[in-house]
Amino acid sequence: MEKIKCPVCNNTLIFVDHILGEIKCQRCKKIIRIDKESSEEHAHTEVK
């Protein structure tokens, strides 16, 4: 499992093995797009 953090405010968003989707940060209200395969070392996150 990997901890996914918001790239803007560094708030922990979710713990995942693999995910493809978007999540809204509760602290800074930015929408974060997350793309992580189970074989990847780290998730690719980008602010929308």
PDB file of N, CA and C in Angstrom:
ATOM      1  N   MET A   1       0.837  -1.183   0.000  1.00  0.00           N
ATOM      2  CA  MET A   1       0.000   0.000   0.000  1.00  0.00           C
ATOM      3  C   MET A   1       0.876   1.239   0.000  1.00  0.00           C
ATOM      4  N   GLU A   2       0.382   2.264  -0.653  1.00  0.00           N
ATOM      5  CA  GLU A   2       1.110   3.521  -0.728  1.00  0.00           C
ATOM      6  C   GLU A   2       0.207   4.658  -0.280  1.00  0.00           C
ATOM      7  N   LYS A   3       0.796   5.622   0.412  1.00  0.00           N
ATOM      8  CA  LYS A   3       0.071   6.801   0.873  1.00  0.00           C
ATOM      9  C   LYS A   3       0.107   7.847  -0.244  1.00  0.00           C
ATOM     10  N   ILE A   4      -1.067   8.296  -0.694  1.00  0.00           N
ATOM     11  CA  ILE A   4      -1.171   9.333  -1.723  1.00  0.00           C
ATOM     12  C   ILE A   4      -1.435  10.650  -1.021  1.00  0.00           C
ATOM     13  N   LYS A   5      -0.575  11.652  -1.309  1.00  0.00           N
ATOM     14  CA  LYS A   5      -0.702  12.963  -0.680  1.00  0.00           C
ATOM     15  C   LYS A   5      -1.047  14.013  -1.721  1.00  0.00           C
ATOM     16  N   CYS A   6      -1.699  15.074  -1.264  1.00  0.00           N
ATOM     17  CA  CYS A   6      -2.020  16.212  -2.115  1.00  0.00           C
ATOM     18  C   CYS A   6      -0.715  16.935  -2.469  1.00  0.00           C
ATOM     19  N   PRO A   7      -0.438  17.176  -3.768  1.00  0.00           N
ATOM     20  CA  PRO A   7       0.803  17.876  -4.132  1.00  0.00           C
ATOM     21  C   PRO A   7       0.786  19.359  -3.756  1.00  0.00           C
ATOM     22  N   VAL A   8      -0.375  19.921  -3.450  1.00  0.00           N
ATOM     23  CA  VAL A   8      -0.490  21.332  -3.098  1.00  0.00           C
ATOM     24  C   VAL A   8      -0.230  21.559  -1.613  1.00  0.00           C
ATOM     25  N   CYS A   9      -0.967  20.820  -0.747  1.00  0.00           N
ATOM     26  CA  CYS A   9      -0.880  21.089   0.694  1.00  0.00           C
ATOM     27  C   CYS A   9      -0.279  19.934   1.490  1.00  0.00           C
ATOM     28  N   ASN A  10       0.105  18.840   0.837  1.00  0.00           N
ATOM     29  CA  ASN A  10       0.764  17.691   1.454  1.00  0.00           C
ATOM     30  C   ASN A  10      -0.141  16.945   2.432  1.00  0.00           C
ATOM     31  N   ASN A  11      -1.440  17.098   2.296  1.00  0.00           N
ATOM     32  CA  ASN A  11      -2.412  16.386   3.124  1.00  0.00           C
ATOM     33  C   ASN A  11      -2.537  14.950   2.618  1.00  0.00           C
ATOM     34  N   THR A  12      -2.579  13.954   3.502  1.00  0.00           N
ATOM     35  CA  THR A  12      -2.770  12.563   3.094  1.00  0.00           C
ATOM     36  C   THR A  12      -4.197  12.385   2.603  1.00  0.00           C
ATOM     37  N   LEU A  13      -4.338  11.893   1.363  1.00  0.00           N
ATOM     38  CA  LEU A  13      -5.656  11.727   0.763  1.00  0.00           C
ATOM     39  C   LEU A  13      -6.194  10.317   0.929  1.00  0.00           C
ATOM     40  N   ILE A  14      -5.356   9.299   0.623  1.00  0.00           N
ATOM     41  CA  ILE A  14      -5.859   7.933   0.561  1.00  0.00           C
ATOM     42  C   ILE A  14      -4.677   6.968   0.581  1.00  0.00           C
ATOM     43  N   PHE A  15      -4.909   5.754   1.037  1.00  0.00           N
ATOM     44  CA  PHE A  15      -3.932   4.670   0.975  1.00  0.00           C
ATOM     45  C   PHE A  15      -4.425   3.683  -0.086  1.00  0.00           C
ATOM     46  N   VAL A  16      -3.586   3.375  -1.100  1.00  0.00           N
ATOM     47  CA  VAL A  16      -4.034   2.528  -2.213  1.00  0.00           C
ATOM     48  C   VAL A  16      -2.935   1.586  -2.694  1.00  0.00           C
ATOM     49  N   ASP A  17      -3.362   0.500  -3.347  1.00  0.00           N
ATOM     50  CA  ASP A  17      -2.460  -0.373  -4.087  1.00  0.00           C
ATOM     51  C   ASP A  17      -2.436   0.040  -5.560  1.00  0.00           C
ATOM     52  N   HIS A  18      -3.611   0.255  -6.146  1.00  0.00           N
ATOM     53  CA  HIS A  18      -3.719   0.772  -7.506  1.00  0.00           C
ATOM     54  C   HIS A  18      -5.005   1.571  -7.631  1.00  0.00           C
ATOM     55  N   ILE A  19      -4.955   2.630  -8.441  1.00  0.00           N
ATOM     56  CA  ILE A  19      -6.105   3.523  -8.583  1.00  0.00           C
ATOM     57  C   ILE A  19      -5.963   4.305  -9.884  1.00  0.00           C
ATOM     58  N   LEU A  20      -7.075   4.624 -10.491  1.00  0.00           N
ATOM     59  CA  LEU A  20      -7.145   5.526 -11.632  1.00  0.00           C
ATOM     60  C   LEU A  20      -8.393   6.366 -11.415  1.00  0.00           C
ATOM     61  N   GLY A  21      -8.217   7.632 -11.091  1.00  0.00           N
ATOM     62  CA  GLY A  21      -9.383   8.471 -10.830  1.00  0.00           C
ATOM     63  C   GLY A  21      -9.007   9.830 -10.299  1.00  0.00           C
ATOM     64  N   GLU A  22     -10.014  10.504  -9.762  1.00  0.00           N
ATOM     65  CA  GLU A  22      -9.838  11.838  -9.210  1.00  0.00           C
ATOM     66  C   GLU A  22     -10.388  11.861  -7.781  1.00  0.00           C
ATOM     67  N   ILE A  23      -9.785  12.714  -6.967  1.00  0.00           N
ATOM     68  CA  ILE A  23     -10.244  12.890  -5.588  1.00  0.00           C
ATOM     69  C   ILE A  23     -10.083  14.371  -5.233  1.00  0.00           C
ATOM     70  N   LYS A  24     -10.992  14.883  -4.428  1.00  0.00           N
ATOM     71  CA  LYS A  24     -10.935  16.277  -4.003  1.00  0.00           C
ATOM     72  C   LYS A  24     -10.288  16.354  -2.632  1.00  0.00           C
ATOM     73  N   CYS A  25      -9.279  17.182  -2.498  1.00  0.00           N
ATOM     74  CA  CYS A  25      -8.605  17.374  -1.211  1.00  0.00           C
ATOM     75  C   CYS A  25      -9.534  18.130  -0.271  1.00  0.00           C
ATOM     76  N   GLN A  26      -9.733  17.603   0.927  1.00  0.00           N
ATOM     77  CA  GLN A  26     -10.621  18.224   1.903  1.00  0.00           C
ATOM     78  C   GLN A  26     -10.023  19.501   2.495  1.00  0.00           C
ATOM     79  N   ARG A  27      -8.697  19.618   2.467  1.00  0.00           N
ATOM     80  CA  ARG A  27      -8.051  20.790   3.071  1.00  0.00           C
ATOM     81  C   ARG A  27      -8.001  21.978   2.108  1.00  0.00           C
ATOM     82  N   CYS A  28      -7.456  21.777   0.902  1.00  0.00           N
ATOM     83  CA  CYS A  28      -7.263  22.902  -0.014  1.00  0.00           C
ATOM     84  C   CYS A  28      -8.323  22.974  -1.117  1.00  0.00           C
ATOM     85  N   LYS A  29      -9.227  21.980  -1.197  1.00  0.00           N
ATOM     86  CA  LYS A  29     -10.359  21.941  -2.127  1.00  0.00           C
ATOM     87  C   LYS A  29      -9.950  21.817  -3.596  1.00  0.00           C
ATOM     88  N   LYS A  30      -8.718  21.410  -3.876  1.00  0.00           N
ATOM     89  CA  LYS A  30      -8.271  21.156  -5.246  1.00  0.00           C
ATOM     90  C   LYS A  30      -8.655  19.745  -5.651  1.00  0.00           C
ATOM     91  N   ILE A  31      -8.931  19.532  -6.937  1.00  0.00           N
ATOM     92  CA  ILE A  31      -9.220  18.199  -7.453  1.00  0.00           C
ATOM     93  C   ILE A  31      -7.907  17.600  -7.955  1.00  0.00           C
ATOM     94  N   ILE A  32      -7.570  16.415  -7.461  1.00  0.00           N
ATOM     95  CA  ILE A  32      -6.314  15.746  -7.775  1.00  0.00           C
ATOM     96  C   ILE A  32      -6.604  14.533  -8.645  1.00  0.00           C
ATOM     97  N   ARG A  33      -5.964  14.445  -9.805  1.00  0.00           N
ATOM     98  CA  ARG A  33      -6.085  13.276 -10.676  1.00  0.00           C
ATOM     99  C   ARG A  33      -4.965  12.310 -10.308  1.00  0.00           C
ATOM    100  N   ILE A  34      -5.313  11.052 -10.042  1.00  0.00           N
ATOM    101  CA  ILE A  34      -4.352  10.045  -9.599  1.00  0.00           C
ATOM    102  C   ILE A  34      -4.329   8.902 -10.597  1.00  0.00           C
ATOM    103  N   ASP A  35      -3.119   8.488 -10.993  1.00  0.00           N
ATOM    104  CA  ASP A  35      -2.938   7.348 -11.893  1.00  0.00           C
ATOM    105  C   ASP A  35      -1.821   6.490 -11.323  1.00  0.00           C
ATOM    106  N   LYS A  36      -2.182   5.345 -10.741  1.00  0.00           N
ATOM    107  CA  LYS A  36      -1.185   4.462 -10.146  1.00  0.00           C
ATOM    108  C   LYS A  36      -1.515   3.016 -10.482  1.00  0.00           C
ATOM    109  N   GLU A  37      -0.609   2.359 -11.165  1.00  0.00           N
ATOM    110  CA  GLU A  37      -0.726   0.927 -11.427  1.00  0.00           C
ATOM    111  C   GLU A  37      -0.099   0.182 -10.254  1.00  0.00           C
ATOM    112  N   SER A  38      -0.485  -1.055 -10.038  1.00  0.00           N
ATOM    113  CA  SER A  38       0.065  -1.819  -8.912  1.00  0.00           C
ATOM    114  C   SER A  38       1.552  -2.103  -9.098  1.00  0.00           C
ATOM    115  N   SER A  39       2.049  -2.064 -10.336  1.00  0.00           N
ATOM    116  CA  SER A  39       3.455  -2.346 -10.592  1.00  0.00           C
ATOM    117  C   SER A  39       4.346  -1.107 -10.473  1.00  0.00           C
ATOM    118  N   GLU A  40       3.745   0.096 -10.424  1.00  0.00           N
ATOM    119  CA  GLU A  40       4.529   1.327 -10.344  1.00  0.00           C
ATOM    120  C   GLU A  40       5.021   1.562  -8.925  1.00  0.00           C
ATOM    121  N   GLU A  41       6.168   2.214  -8.823  1.00  0.00           N
ATOM    122  CA  GLU A  41       6.730   2.559  -7.510  1.00  0.00           C
ATOM    123  C   GLU A  41       5.932   3.682  -6.851  1.00  0.00           C
ATOM    124  N   HIS A  42       5.634   4.755  -7.601  1.00  0.00           N
ATOM    125  CA  HIS A  42       4.928   5.920  -7.049  1.00  0.00           C
ATOM    126  C   HIS A  42       3.800   6.329  -7.987  1.00  0.00           C
ATOM    127  N   ALA A  43       2.796   6.932  -7.408  1.00  0.00           N
ATOM    128  CA  ALA A  43       1.645   7.380  -8.191  1.00  0.00           C
ATOM    129  C   ALA A  43       1.980   8.686  -8.914  1.00  0.00           C
ATOM    130  N   HIS A  44       1.347   8.841 -10.067  1.00  0.00           N
ATOM    131  CA  HIS A  44       1.432  10.101 -10.796  1.00  0.00           C
ATOM    132  C   HIS A  44       0.214  10.935 -10.410  1.00  0.00           C
ATOM    133  N   THR A  45       0.446  12.078  -9.793  1.00  0.00           N
ATOM    134  CA  THR A  45      -0.658  12.941  -9.391  1.00  0.00           C
ATOM    135  C   THR A  45      -0.518  14.276 -10.098  1.00  0.00           C
ATOM    136  N   GLU A  46      -1.640  14.869 -10.456  1.00  0.00           N
ATOM    137  CA  GLU A  46      -1.626  16.199 -11.022  1.00  0.00           C
ATOM    138  C   GLU A  46      -2.851  16.963 -10.543  1.00  0.00           C
ATOM    139  N   VAL A  47      -2.668  18.261 -10.346  1.00  0.00           N
ATOM    140  CA  VAL A  47      -3.742  19.127  -9.863  1.00  0.00           C
ATOM    141  C   VAL A  47      -4.548  19.570 -11.066  1.00  0.00           C
ATOM    142  N   LYS A  48      -5.849  19.539 -10.918  1.00  0.00           N
ATOM    143  CA  LYS A  48      -6.739  19.925 -12.011  1.00  0.00           C
ATOM    144  C   LYS A  48      -7.276  21.306 -11.775  1.00  0.00           C
TER     145      LYS A  48
END
